[in-house]
Protein backbone atom coordinates (compact mmCIF):
# COMPACT_ATOMS: atom_id res chain seq x y z
CA MET A 1 195.95 271.30 66.94
CA PHE A 2 195.04 267.39 67.52
CA VAL A 3 194.32 264.47 65.46
CA THR A 4 192.35 261.21 65.76
CA ALA A 5 194.13 258.08 65.35
CA PHE A 6 193.60 254.34 65.18
CA CYS A 7 196.93 251.92 65.58
CA GLY A 8 196.56 248.27 65.62
CA PHE A 9 199.02 245.46 64.76
CA LEU A 10 197.82 242.37 63.34
CA ASP A 11 199.74 239.17 64.20
CA LEU A 12 199.30 236.99 60.88
CA ARG A 13 200.22 233.95 62.47
CA ASP A 14 197.15 233.94 64.70
CA GLY A 15 194.70 236.69 64.16
CA ARG A 16 195.45 238.52 67.28
CA LEU A 17 194.76 242.01 66.79
CA ARG A 18 196.32 244.63 69.33
CA TYR A 19 194.78 248.33 69.16
CA SER A 20 194.40 251.16 70.61
CA ASN A 21 191.89 254.42 69.90
CA ALA A 22 193.06 257.99 70.04
CA GLY A 23 189.55 259.31 69.68
CA HIS A 24 189.06 257.97 66.34
CA GLU A 25 185.96 256.32 64.40
CA PRO A 26 185.85 252.46 65.77
CA PRO A 27 186.77 250.48 62.73
CA LEU A 28 184.00 247.76 61.72
CA VAL A 29 184.60 243.98 61.77
CA ARG A 30 182.67 241.85 59.53
CA SER A 31 182.85 238.43 60.99
CA GLY A 32 180.50 235.61 59.60
CA GLY A 33 177.73 237.92 57.67
CA THR A 34 177.22 240.31 60.50
CA VAL A 35 178.88 243.65 60.86
CA ASP A 36 179.81 245.20 64.21
CA ARG A 37 181.61 248.32 65.53
CA LEU A 38 184.88 247.30 67.21
CA ARG A 39 184.77 247.75 70.89
CA SER A 40 187.27 250.34 71.90
CA LYS A 41 188.06 253.02 74.86
CA ALA A 42 188.65 255.93 72.75
CA GLY A 43 191.45 257.78 74.59
CA LEU A 44 192.04 261.53 73.79
CA PRO A 45 193.15 262.59 70.22
CA LEU A 46 196.78 262.79 70.08
CA GLY A 47 198.02 266.49 70.92
CA VAL A 48 195.28 267.42 73.26
CA LEU A 49 197.73 266.86 76.06
CA ARG A 50 201.43 266.31 76.46
CA SER A 51 200.96 263.09 78.47
CA PHE A 52 198.34 260.52 78.36
CA ILE A 53 198.21 256.60 78.78
CA TYR A 54 196.36 255.09 75.97
CA VAL A 55 194.76 251.78 76.44
CA VAL A 56 195.75 248.80 74.42
CA GLU A 57 193.11 246.10 73.80
CA GLU A 58 192.85 242.98 72.15
CA LEU A 59 190.86 241.04 69.51
CA VAL A 60 191.44 237.60 67.78
CA LEU A 61 190.13 237.55 63.98
CA ALA A 62 188.73 234.32 62.68
CA PRO A 63 189.86 233.37 59.28
CA GLY A 64 188.05 235.63 56.71
CA ASP A 65 186.91 238.15 58.82
CA SER A 66 187.62 241.78 57.69
CA LEU A 67 188.43 245.15 59.32
CA LEU A 68 187.31 248.25 57.95
CA LEU A 69 188.85 251.84 58.90
CA TYR A 70 187.58 254.80 57.94
CA THR A 71 187.51 258.68 58.70
CA ASP A 72 184.40 260.41 59.69
CA GLY A 73 184.15 261.69 56.23
CA VAL A 74 182.16 258.81 55.29
CA THR A 75 179.73 258.74 58.10
CA ASP A 76 179.38 262.35 58.00
CA ALA A 77 178.78 262.72 54.27
CA SER A 78 175.61 264.73 53.77
CA ASN A 79 172.67 264.60 50.92
CA ARG A 80 170.80 267.46 49.86
CA ALA A 81 168.57 267.19 52.36
CA GLU A 82 171.24 267.84 55.05
CA GLU A 83 170.89 264.00 56.18
CA LEU A 84 174.01 262.30 57.10
CA PHE A 85 175.19 259.05 55.77
CA SER A 86 175.82 257.58 59.36
CA VAL A 87 177.18 254.44 60.84
CA ALA A 88 173.79 252.49 60.30
CA ARG A 89 173.93 252.93 56.62
CA LEU A 90 177.74 252.39 56.44
CA ARG A 91 177.42 249.01 58.39
CA GLU A 92 174.40 248.05 56.07
CA VAL A 93 176.60 248.33 52.99
CA VAL A 94 179.27 246.45 54.36
CA GLU A 95 177.17 243.65 55.78
CA HIS A 96 175.27 243.26 52.11
CA CYS A 97 178.45 243.50 50.21
CA ALA A 98 178.79 240.42 47.99
CA ASP A 99 182.55 240.09 47.62
CA SER A 100 184.21 240.03 50.88
CA GLU A 101 187.68 241.28 49.35
CA PRO A 102 188.78 244.22 50.96
CA SER A 103 189.10 246.08 47.71
CA SER A 104 185.23 245.53 46.92
CA ILE A 105 184.35 246.68 50.29
CA VAL A 106 186.07 249.95 49.84
CA SER A 107 184.98 250.31 46.36
CA ASP A 108 181.25 249.68 47.36
CA VAL A 109 181.26 252.11 50.48
CA ALA A 110 182.92 254.52 48.38
CA ALA A 111 180.19 254.19 45.48
CA SER A 112 177.52 254.32 48.34
CA VAL A 113 178.65 257.55 49.68
CA ASP A 114 178.54 258.89 46.07
CA ARG A 115 175.23 258.07 45.52
CA PHE A 116 173.86 259.10 48.96
CA ALA A 117 175.38 262.67 48.26
CA GLU A 118 173.54 263.22 45.15
CA GLY A 119 176.27 265.80 43.71
CA THR A 120 176.81 267.62 47.43
CA ALA A 121 179.93 269.23 47.79
CA GLN A 122 182.10 266.48 49.81
CA ALA A 123 182.59 268.28 53.23
CA ASP A 124 185.24 266.59 54.81
CA ASP A 125 188.31 263.94 54.13
CA ILE A 126 187.31 260.41 53.20
CA ALA A 127 189.72 257.92 53.82
CA MET A 128 189.36 254.22 54.17
CA LEU A 129 191.77 251.10 54.70
CA CYS A 130 190.21 247.26 54.59
CA VAL A 131 192.04 244.39 55.87
CA GLN A 132 190.72 240.88 55.73
CA TYR A 133 192.38 238.11 57.67
CA TYR A 134 192.80 234.87 55.52
CA GLY A 135 193.90 232.79 58.40
CA ALA A 136 197.37 231.36 59.18
CA LEU A 137 199.14 228.47 57.63
CA ARG A 138 200.54 225.70 59.25
CA PRO A 139 203.85 227.37 60.54
CA VAL A 140 207.07 226.36 58.91
CA GLU A 141 208.93 228.77 61.30
CA MET A 142 208.89 231.38 63.55
CA ALA A 143 211.74 233.10 65.33
CA GLU A 144 211.81 236.09 67.89
CA THR A 145 215.04 237.71 69.50
CA PHE A 146 215.05 238.37 73.31
CA LYS A 147 217.39 240.25 75.74
CA ARG A 148 219.76 238.99 77.88
CA ASP A 149 217.19 239.24 80.75
CA ILE A 150 215.15 236.83 82.88
CA ALA A 151 211.82 238.84 82.39
CA GLU A 152 212.04 238.05 78.84
CA LEU A 153 211.22 234.59 79.89
CA GLU A 154 207.56 235.26 79.40
CA ASP A 155 207.58 236.16 76.14
CA VAL A 156 209.69 232.96 75.03
CA PHE A 157 206.63 230.99 76.64
CA ASP A 158 204.30 233.18 74.57
CA LEU A 159 206.26 232.47 71.35
CA VAL A 160 206.15 228.74 72.25
CA GLY A 161 202.60 229.02 72.66
CA ARG A 162 201.49 230.82 69.66
CA PHE A 163 203.90 228.21 67.78
CA PHE A 164 201.77 225.28 68.80
CA ALA A 165 198.54 226.57 68.62
CA ALA A 166 199.02 226.90 64.91
CA ALA A 167 201.21 223.56 64.71
CA GLU A 168 198.33 221.77 66.38
CA ALA A 169 200.90 218.97 68.06
CA ASP A 170 200.44 217.09 70.94
CA ASP A 171 200.54 218.66 74.43
CA ALA A 172 203.54 216.22 75.49
CA THR A 173 205.51 217.71 72.46
CA ARG A 174 204.59 220.94 73.40
CA TYR A 175 205.48 220.25 77.12
CA ALA A 176 209.07 218.95 76.26
CA VAL A 177 209.70 221.63 73.83
CA GLU A 178 208.57 224.56 76.25
CA LEU A 179 210.64 222.95 78.90
CA ALA A 180 213.51 222.60 76.73
CA ALA A 181 213.31 226.59 75.51
CA GLU A 182 212.95 227.50 79.43
CA GLU A 183 216.23 225.61 80.49
CA ILE A 184 218.36 226.44 77.57
CA PHE A 185 217.71 230.05 77.83
CA THR A 186 218.08 230.50 81.43
CA ASN A 187 221.44 228.37 81.46
CA LEU A 188 222.51 230.72 78.97
CA LEU A 189 221.65 233.58 81.12
CA ARG A 190 223.45 232.12 84.29
CA HIS A 191 226.54 230.85 82.46
CA HIS A 192 226.97 233.60 80.06
CA PRO A 193 226.22 236.88 82.15
CA ALA A 194 228.84 238.87 79.64
CA GLY A 195 227.58 237.55 76.59
CA GLY A 196 225.87 239.59 73.88
CA ASP A 197 222.49 241.29 74.68
CA GLN A 198 220.90 239.03 71.99
CA ILE A 199 219.39 235.34 72.22
CA GLU A 200 217.40 233.92 69.23
CA ILE A 201 214.91 231.38 69.52
CA ARG A 202 213.63 229.48 66.55
CA LEU A 203 210.79 227.21 66.02
CA ARG A 204 210.20 225.16 62.94
CA ILE A 205 208.49 221.81 61.62
CA GLU A 206 210.96 219.65 60.11
CA GLY A 207 208.97 216.56 58.37
CA ASP A 208 207.66 215.03 61.61
CA ASP A 209 209.96 216.81 63.94
CA VAL A 210 209.85 219.96 65.70
CA ALA A 211 213.15 221.74 66.05
CA LEU A 212 214.24 224.33 68.59
CA SER A 213 217.10 226.48 67.92
CA VAL A 214 218.64 228.62 70.71
CA THR A 215 221.26 230.90 69.49
CA ASP A 216 223.37 233.04 71.92
CA PHE A 217 225.16 235.41 69.78
CA ASN A 218 228.73 236.90 70.99
CA ALA A 219 228.96 233.94 73.23
CA PRO A 220 231.60 231.48 74.18
CA LEU A 221 231.34 227.65 73.74
CA PHE A 222 228.86 225.93 75.55
CA ASP A 223 227.83 222.52 74.13
CA VAL A 224 224.93 221.56 76.46
CA ARG A 225 225.82 217.72 75.35
CA THR A 226 228.68 217.66 76.90
CA GLY A 227 229.40 221.31 79.09
CA ALA A 228 226.60 220.60 81.53
CA PRO A 229 227.32 218.84 84.85
CA ALA A 230 226.90 215.17 85.28
CA VAL A 231 223.74 214.18 86.73
CA ASP A 232 223.69 210.55 88.67
CA VAL A 233 219.66 210.27 89.09
CA GLY A 234 220.15 207.16 91.58
CA GLN A 235 221.97 209.52 93.94
CA PRO A 236 220.38 210.62 97.12
CA LEU A 237 219.29 214.10 97.20
CA GLU A 238 221.76 215.24 99.99
CA GLU A 239 224.63 214.12 98.44
CA ARG A 240 224.22 215.82 94.69
CA THR A 241 225.75 218.60 93.73
CA PRO A 242 223.26 221.45 92.56
CA GLY A 243 223.09 221.86 88.80
CA GLY A 244 222.50 219.70 85.59
CA LEU A 245 219.30 218.07 86.59
CA GLY A 246 217.28 220.41 84.14
CA LEU A 247 219.46 219.76 81.23
CA PHE A 248 219.22 216.39 81.95
CA LEU A 249 215.69 216.09 81.85
CA VAL A 250 215.70 218.46 78.53
CA LYS A 251 217.78 215.97 77.04
CA THR A 252 215.91 212.75 78.01
CA MET A 253 212.76 214.33 76.74
CA MET A 254 213.96 215.50 73.41
CA ASP A 255 215.03 212.93 70.61
CA ARG A 256 218.47 214.13 69.84
CA VAL A 257 220.46 217.25 70.31
CA ALA A 258 222.88 219.10 68.04
CA TYR A 259 225.29 221.84 68.69
CA HIS A 260 227.69 224.30 66.49
CA HIS A 261 229.76 227.28 67.34
CA GLU A 262 230.57 229.64 64.71
CA ASN A 263 232.00 233.24 64.22
CA GLY A 264 231.35 233.79 68.16
CA ASN A 265 227.95 232.62 67.94
CA SER A 266 226.63 229.41 69.88
CA THR A 267 223.63 227.26 68.80
CA VAL A 268 221.70 224.57 70.27
CA THR A 269 219.21 222.60 68.44
CA LEU A 270 216.77 220.30 69.79
CA TYR A 271 214.52 217.72 68.07
CA ARG A 272 211.21 216.24 69.14
CA LYS A 273 208.62 213.83 67.23
CA LYS A 274 205.48 215.17 67.19
CA LYS A 275 202.08 213.70 66.76
CA VAL A 276 199.64 215.86 64.61
CA LEU A 277 196.20 216.25 66.18
CA SER A 278 193.40 214.94 64.07
CA PRO A 279 190.29 217.20 63.89
CA GLU A 280 188.25 214.67 66.28
CA SER A 281 190.95 215.28 68.95
């Protein structure tokens, strides 16, 4: 008739966990030698109502943190005295597990439940899943595909932010790349409204450069190096023709620009030298 569930998405690039709980046992989080239940607003089990809005919550795991999911067959396991194994005992086992590897944690919990039960028949299903976040490596490449919609711009900024949070580059480089991503993306929306419904933004480290590539699929030729309106920065504002200033700033702030159009797909790539931040900075 119904089922409890816990659903989470762990971003391996930054440790961000987005999750929602449908009446399930809150997972345990092992972090820095301490173990706590994951704070979650438990919604109704799936199937209780035809329509129900579940809350999506967020937690950022640090490198080395572990997450243990389990069914209540673990905590409700009983012994001959009809005592329950309980969440408290589970936390103690996970906290004192000598090996932080997920397989070791699961094995230790299973062995502890067996010893506690003293041969008592298992009354409920026992299932466990343990995940450990090892930490993000300095990114070589990140890419996402966006719809041809100005509402996607917020997600474009999110992609750039996540990339630079892991790349540890200076703020000036991040600002230049963020401006470039915004300008190229919005220009493609403005000049190619009838293009395909996919625009890919790809960020990567190439030696000392941050490379930003924007690909407009099924789009006409649009070379930002030559196709943008000319801008005379010395011309009075009232005499200027609107357009082109944003792309002019992008080309000024970035070190070099490359472009190619192949199989109906238009790709512009911009490069910017980065300064790697030291631990002291």
